[in-house]
Amino acid sequence: MPIFQKSVIQKHLTNLEQSQLDDAFKRFKDNYSIDKIQQIKILKEEEYQDGFLRDIFVGVFGYILKPDQNFNLVREFKNKTDGKKADAAILKDKNAIAVIELKLY
């Protein structure tokens, strides 16, 4: 099942430079071998949560994970309205602009 509708993907892809996409996809492919993917499939969500954030959001997309200086990615983000926690959040000006909820199947 796709995460995003095709129209949403197309809209955002038009705002990116092809070289940025190519570089990010190369980093993704370099990181995820067939063997690594098979190992991830047998892990529990909690076992891969930090690895996922580092592999994808830091390694591919270039976010900075807390506690590093000038971070814009945090683990276990607490929702201000209902107190529930998401696995992570992307921050801009110290405010969450996206939450990340990891689900392995």
N, C-alpha and C. Protein backbone atom coordinates (compact mmCIF):
# COMPACT_ATOMS: atom_id res chain seq x y z
N MET A 1 0.85 -1.17 0.00
CA MET A 1 0.00 0.00 0.00
C MET A 1 0.90 1.24 0.00
N PRO A 2 0.67 2.18 -0.92
CA PRO A 2 1.50 3.38 -0.97
C PRO A 2 1.25 4.30 0.22
N ILE A 3 2.30 5.01 0.60
CA ILE A 3 2.19 5.94 1.72
C ILE A 3 1.52 7.23 1.27
N PHE A 4 1.86 7.69 0.05
CA PHE A 4 1.33 8.96 -0.46
C PHE A 4 0.60 8.74 -1.77
N GLN A 5 -0.35 9.61 -2.05
CA GLN A 5 -1.04 9.59 -3.33
C GLN A 5 -0.07 10.05 -4.41
N LYS A 6 -0.25 9.56 -5.63
CA LYS A 6 0.64 9.92 -6.73
C LYS A 6 0.65 11.43 -6.97
N SER A 7 -0.48 12.08 -6.82
CA SER A 7 -0.54 13.53 -7.05
C SER A 7 0.30 14.30 -6.04
N VAL A 8 0.34 13.82 -4.80
CA VAL A 8 1.15 14.47 -3.76
C VAL A 8 2.63 14.29 -4.08
N ILE A 9 3.01 13.10 -4.48
CA ILE A 9 4.41 12.84 -4.84
C ILE A 9 4.82 13.72 -6.02
N GLN A 10 4.00 13.75 -7.06
CA GLN A 10 4.33 14.56 -8.24
C GLN A 10 4.49 16.03 -7.90
N LYS A 11 3.61 16.54 -7.06
CA LYS A 11 3.66 17.95 -6.66
C LYS A 11 5.01 18.27 -6.01
N HIS A 12 5.45 17.41 -5.11
CA HIS A 12 6.69 17.68 -4.38
C HIS A 12 7.93 17.36 -5.21
N LEU A 13 7.84 16.40 -6.10
CA LEU A 13 8.99 16.09 -6.95
C LEU A 13 9.33 17.23 -7.90
N THR A 14 8.33 17.99 -8.31
CA THR A 14 8.59 19.10 -9.23
C THR A 14 9.39 20.22 -8.56
N ASN A 15 9.42 20.24 -7.23
CA ASN A 15 10.17 21.27 -6.50
C ASN A 15 11.60 20.84 -6.16
N LEU A 16 12.00 19.64 -6.56
CA LEU A 16 13.33 19.13 -6.25
C LEU A 16 14.20 19.10 -7.49
N GLU A 17 15.49 19.26 -7.28
CA GLU A 17 16.43 19.13 -8.38
C GLU A 17 16.72 17.66 -8.61
N GLN A 18 16.83 17.27 -9.87
CA GLN A 18 17.08 15.88 -10.22
C GLN A 18 18.35 15.36 -9.57
N SER A 19 19.39 16.18 -9.49
CA SER A 19 20.65 15.74 -8.90
C SER A 19 20.47 15.41 -7.42
N GLN A 20 19.60 16.16 -6.71
CA GLN A 20 19.34 15.86 -5.30
C GLN A 20 18.64 14.52 -5.17
N LEU A 21 17.68 14.27 -6.04
CA LEU A 21 16.97 12.99 -6.02
C LEU A 21 17.91 11.84 -6.33
N ASP A 22 18.75 12.02 -7.32
CA ASP A 22 19.69 10.96 -7.70
C ASP A 22 20.65 10.65 -6.56
N ASP A 23 21.17 11.70 -5.92
CA ASP A 23 22.10 11.51 -4.80
C ASP A 23 21.43 10.80 -3.63
N ALA A 24 20.21 11.21 -3.29
CA ALA A 24 19.48 10.59 -2.18
C ALA A 24 19.18 9.12 -2.50
N PHE A 25 18.77 8.84 -3.73
CA PHE A 25 18.45 7.46 -4.10
C PHE A 25 19.70 6.59 -4.08
N LYS A 26 20.83 7.14 -4.47
CA LYS A 26 22.09 6.38 -4.42
C LYS A 26 22.44 6.05 -2.96
N ARG A 27 22.29 7.03 -2.06
CA ARG A 27 22.57 6.77 -0.64
C ARG A 27 21.63 5.70 -0.10
N PHE A 28 20.37 5.75 -0.52
CA PHE A 28 19.39 4.74 -0.11
C PHE A 28 19.81 3.35 -0.59
N LYS A 29 20.13 3.23 -1.87
CA LYS A 29 20.52 1.93 -2.42
C LYS A 29 21.81 1.42 -1.80
N ASP A 30 22.76 2.32 -1.53
CA ASP A 30 24.02 1.91 -0.92
C ASP A 30 23.80 1.35 0.48
N ASN A 31 22.81 1.85 1.17
CA ASN A 31 22.56 1.45 2.56
C ASN A 31 21.73 0.18 2.67
N TYR A 32 20.84 -0.07 1.74
CA TYR A 32 19.90 -1.18 1.87
C TYR A 32 20.19 -2.32 0.91
N SER A 33 21.06 -3.21 1.34
CA SER A 33 21.32 -4.43 0.58
C SER A 33 20.16 -5.40 0.79
N ILE A 34 20.09 -6.40 -0.04
CA ILE A 34 19.07 -7.44 0.11
C ILE A 34 19.19 -8.11 1.48
N ASP A 35 20.43 -8.37 1.91
CA ASP A 35 20.65 -9.01 3.21
C ASP A 35 20.15 -8.13 4.36
N LYS A 36 20.44 -6.84 4.28
CA LYS A 36 20.00 -5.93 5.34
C LYS A 36 18.47 -5.87 5.38
N ILE A 37 17.85 -5.81 4.24
CA ILE A 37 16.38 -5.77 4.19
C ILE A 37 15.80 -7.03 4.83
N GLN A 38 16.38 -8.19 4.54
CA GLN A 38 15.89 -9.43 5.13
C GLN A 38 16.04 -9.42 6.65
N GLN A 39 17.13 -8.88 7.14
CA GLN A 39 17.34 -8.79 8.59
C GLN A 39 16.34 -7.83 9.24
N ILE A 40 16.07 -6.72 8.59
CA ILE A 40 15.11 -5.75 9.11
C ILE A 40 13.72 -6.37 9.23
N LYS A 41 13.37 -7.20 8.27
CA LYS A 41 12.05 -7.82 8.25
C LYS A 41 11.77 -8.69 9.47
N ILE A 42 12.81 -9.20 10.12
CA ILE A 42 12.59 -10.06 11.28
C ILE A 42 12.72 -9.32 12.61
N LEU A 43 13.01 -8.02 12.54
CA LEU A 43 13.15 -7.23 13.76
C LEU A 43 11.80 -6.75 14.27
N LYS A 44 11.76 -6.47 15.55
CA LYS A 44 10.61 -5.79 16.14
C LYS A 44 10.77 -4.31 15.89
N GLU A 45 9.67 -3.59 15.92
CA GLU A 45 9.68 -2.15 15.65
C GLU A 45 10.71 -1.42 16.52
N GLU A 46 10.71 -1.73 17.81
CA GLU A 46 11.60 -1.03 18.75
C GLU A 46 13.07 -1.30 18.43
N GLU A 47 13.35 -2.48 17.89
CA GLU A 47 14.73 -2.84 17.59
C GLU A 47 15.32 -2.04 16.44
N TYR A 48 14.46 -1.59 15.53
CA TYR A 48 14.96 -0.89 14.35
C TYR A 48 14.63 0.60 14.35
N GLN A 49 13.94 1.07 15.34
CA GLN A 49 13.49 2.47 15.36
C GLN A 49 14.67 3.44 15.18
N ASP A 50 15.70 3.33 16.00
CA ASP A 50 16.82 4.25 15.89
C ASP A 50 17.56 4.04 14.57
N GLY A 51 17.72 2.79 14.16
CA GLY A 51 18.38 2.50 12.89
C GLY A 51 17.63 3.11 11.72
N PHE A 52 16.31 3.01 11.74
CA PHE A 52 15.49 3.59 10.67
C PHE A 52 15.69 5.09 10.58
N LEU A 53 15.63 5.75 11.74
CA LEU A 53 15.81 7.20 11.73
C LEU A 53 17.18 7.57 11.19
N ARG A 54 18.20 6.85 11.62
CA ARG A 54 19.56 7.15 11.14
C ARG A 54 19.74 6.77 9.67
N ASP A 55 19.25 5.60 9.28
CA ASP A 55 19.43 5.14 7.90
C ASP A 55 18.71 6.05 6.90
N ILE A 56 17.47 6.37 7.17
CA ILE A 56 16.66 7.12 6.20
C ILE A 56 16.75 8.62 6.42
N PHE A 57 16.36 9.07 7.59
CA PHE A 57 16.22 10.51 7.80
C PHE A 57 17.55 11.24 7.95
N VAL A 58 18.55 10.58 8.53
CA VAL A 58 19.88 11.20 8.64
C VAL A 58 20.70 10.87 7.39
N GLY A 59 20.84 9.58 7.09
CA GLY A 59 21.71 9.15 6.01
C GLY A 59 21.26 9.51 4.62
N VAL A 60 19.96 9.45 4.35
CA VAL A 60 19.45 9.73 3.01
C VAL A 60 18.97 11.18 2.89
N PHE A 61 18.14 11.61 3.84
CA PHE A 61 17.53 12.94 3.72
C PHE A 61 18.35 14.07 4.34
N GLY A 62 19.32 13.74 5.20
CA GLY A 62 20.20 14.76 5.74
C GLY A 62 19.71 15.50 6.97
N TYR A 63 18.72 14.96 7.67
CA TYR A 63 18.28 15.59 8.92
C TYR A 63 19.33 15.37 10.00
N ILE A 64 19.27 16.17 11.05
CA ILE A 64 20.22 16.09 12.15
C ILE A 64 19.47 15.61 13.39
N LEU A 65 19.89 14.47 13.91
CA LEU A 65 19.19 13.82 15.02
C LEU A 65 19.69 14.35 16.37
N LYS A 66 18.76 14.68 17.23
CA LYS A 66 19.10 15.11 18.58
C LYS A 66 19.86 13.98 19.27
N PRO A 67 20.96 14.21 19.94
CA PRO A 67 21.42 15.42 20.61
C PRO A 67 22.46 16.23 19.84
N ASP A 68 22.69 15.94 18.54
CA ASP A 68 23.67 16.71 17.79
C ASP A 68 23.26 18.18 17.70
N GLN A 69 24.26 19.04 17.52
CA GLN A 69 24.03 20.48 17.40
C GLN A 69 23.08 20.77 16.24
N ASN A 70 22.24 21.78 16.41
CA ASN A 70 21.31 22.24 15.36
C ASN A 70 20.38 21.13 14.86
N PHE A 71 19.96 20.25 15.77
CA PHE A 71 19.11 19.12 15.38
C PHE A 71 17.75 19.60 14.86
N ASN A 72 17.19 18.79 13.95
CA ASN A 72 15.85 19.03 13.44
C ASN A 72 15.04 17.73 13.36
N LEU A 73 15.52 16.73 14.07
CA LEU A 73 14.85 15.43 14.15
C LEU A 73 14.98 14.92 15.58
N VAL A 74 13.84 14.56 16.18
CA VAL A 74 13.85 14.08 17.57
C VAL A 74 13.11 12.76 17.67
N ARG A 75 13.57 11.91 18.61
CA ARG A 75 12.90 10.64 18.90
C ARG A 75 11.79 10.88 19.92
N GLU A 76 10.84 9.97 19.97
CA GLU A 76 9.80 9.96 21.00
C GLU A 76 9.21 11.34 21.23
N PHE A 77 8.60 11.88 20.20
CA PHE A 77 8.02 13.22 20.27
C PHE A 77 6.65 13.17 20.93
N LYS A 78 6.47 13.96 21.96
CA LYS A 78 5.21 13.99 22.69
C LYS A 78 4.27 15.02 22.07
N ASN A 79 3.08 14.56 21.70
CA ASN A 79 2.06 15.42 21.12
C ASN A 79 1.55 16.40 22.18
N LYS A 80 1.51 17.67 21.85
CA LYS A 80 1.12 18.69 22.82
C LYS A 80 -0.38 18.70 23.10
N THR A 81 -1.18 18.17 22.20
CA THR A 81 -2.63 18.22 22.41
C THR A 81 -3.17 17.07 23.25
N ASP A 82 -2.65 15.86 23.04
CA ASP A 82 -3.20 14.73 23.79
C ASP A 82 -2.16 13.95 24.58
N GLY A 83 -0.90 14.37 24.54
CA GLY A 83 0.14 13.74 25.33
C GLY A 83 0.63 12.40 24.79
N LYS A 84 0.11 11.94 23.66
CA LYS A 84 0.58 10.69 23.07
C LYS A 84 1.92 10.93 22.39
N LYS A 85 2.69 9.84 22.25
CA LYS A 85 4.01 9.96 21.65
C LYS A 85 4.05 9.35 20.26
N ALA A 86 4.74 10.06 19.37
CA ALA A 86 5.07 9.52 18.06
C ALA A 86 6.51 9.02 18.16
N ASP A 87 6.89 8.13 17.25
CA ASP A 87 8.25 7.60 17.29
C ASP A 87 9.29 8.69 17.07
N ALA A 88 8.96 9.69 16.26
CA ALA A 88 9.89 10.78 16.00
C ALA A 88 9.13 11.95 15.39
N ALA A 89 9.82 13.07 15.28
CA ALA A 89 9.24 14.24 14.62
C ALA A 89 10.34 15.04 13.93
N ILE A 90 9.96 15.66 12.83
CA ILE A 90 10.83 16.60 12.13
C ILE A 90 10.45 17.98 12.63
N LEU A 91 11.46 18.76 13.00
CA LEU A 91 11.22 20.08 13.57
C LEU A 91 11.66 21.19 12.63
N LYS A 92 10.96 22.30 12.73
CA LYS A 92 11.36 23.54 12.07
C LYS A 92 11.10 24.65 13.07
N ASP A 93 12.13 25.42 13.39
CA ASP A 93 12.01 26.47 14.41
C ASP A 93 11.45 25.90 15.72
N LYS A 94 11.93 24.71 16.09
CA LYS A 94 11.58 24.01 17.33
C LYS A 94 10.12 23.53 17.39
N ASN A 95 9.41 23.61 16.27
CA ASN A 95 8.02 23.13 16.19
C ASN A 95 7.96 21.94 15.25
N ALA A 96 7.15 20.95 15.62
CA ALA A 96 7.00 19.77 14.77
C ALA A 96 6.25 20.14 13.50
N ILE A 97 6.83 19.77 12.36
CA ILE A 97 6.16 19.98 11.08
C ILE A 97 5.73 18.65 10.47
N ALA A 98 6.26 17.54 11.03
CA ALA A 98 5.86 16.21 10.59
C ALA A 98 6.18 15.23 11.71
N VAL A 99 5.34 14.24 11.88
CA VAL A 99 5.61 13.18 12.84
C VAL A 99 5.88 11.89 12.10
N ILE A 100 6.67 11.04 12.73
CA ILE A 100 7.06 9.77 12.13
C ILE A 100 6.60 8.66 13.05
N GLU A 101 5.82 7.74 12.50
CA GLU A 101 5.34 6.60 13.26
C GLU A 101 5.79 5.36 12.51
N LEU A 102 6.71 4.62 13.09
CA LEU A 102 7.28 3.44 12.45
C LEU A 102 6.40 2.23 12.69
N LYS A 103 6.09 1.53 11.61
CA LYS A 103 5.32 0.28 11.71
C LYS A 103 6.00 -0.75 10.82
N LEU A 104 6.47 -1.83 11.40
CA LEU A 104 7.04 -2.92 10.63
C LEU A 104 5.97 -3.99 10.48
N TYR A 105 5.97 -4.64 9.34
CA TYR A 105 5.02 -5.73 9.11
C TYR A 105 5.67 -6.89 8.43
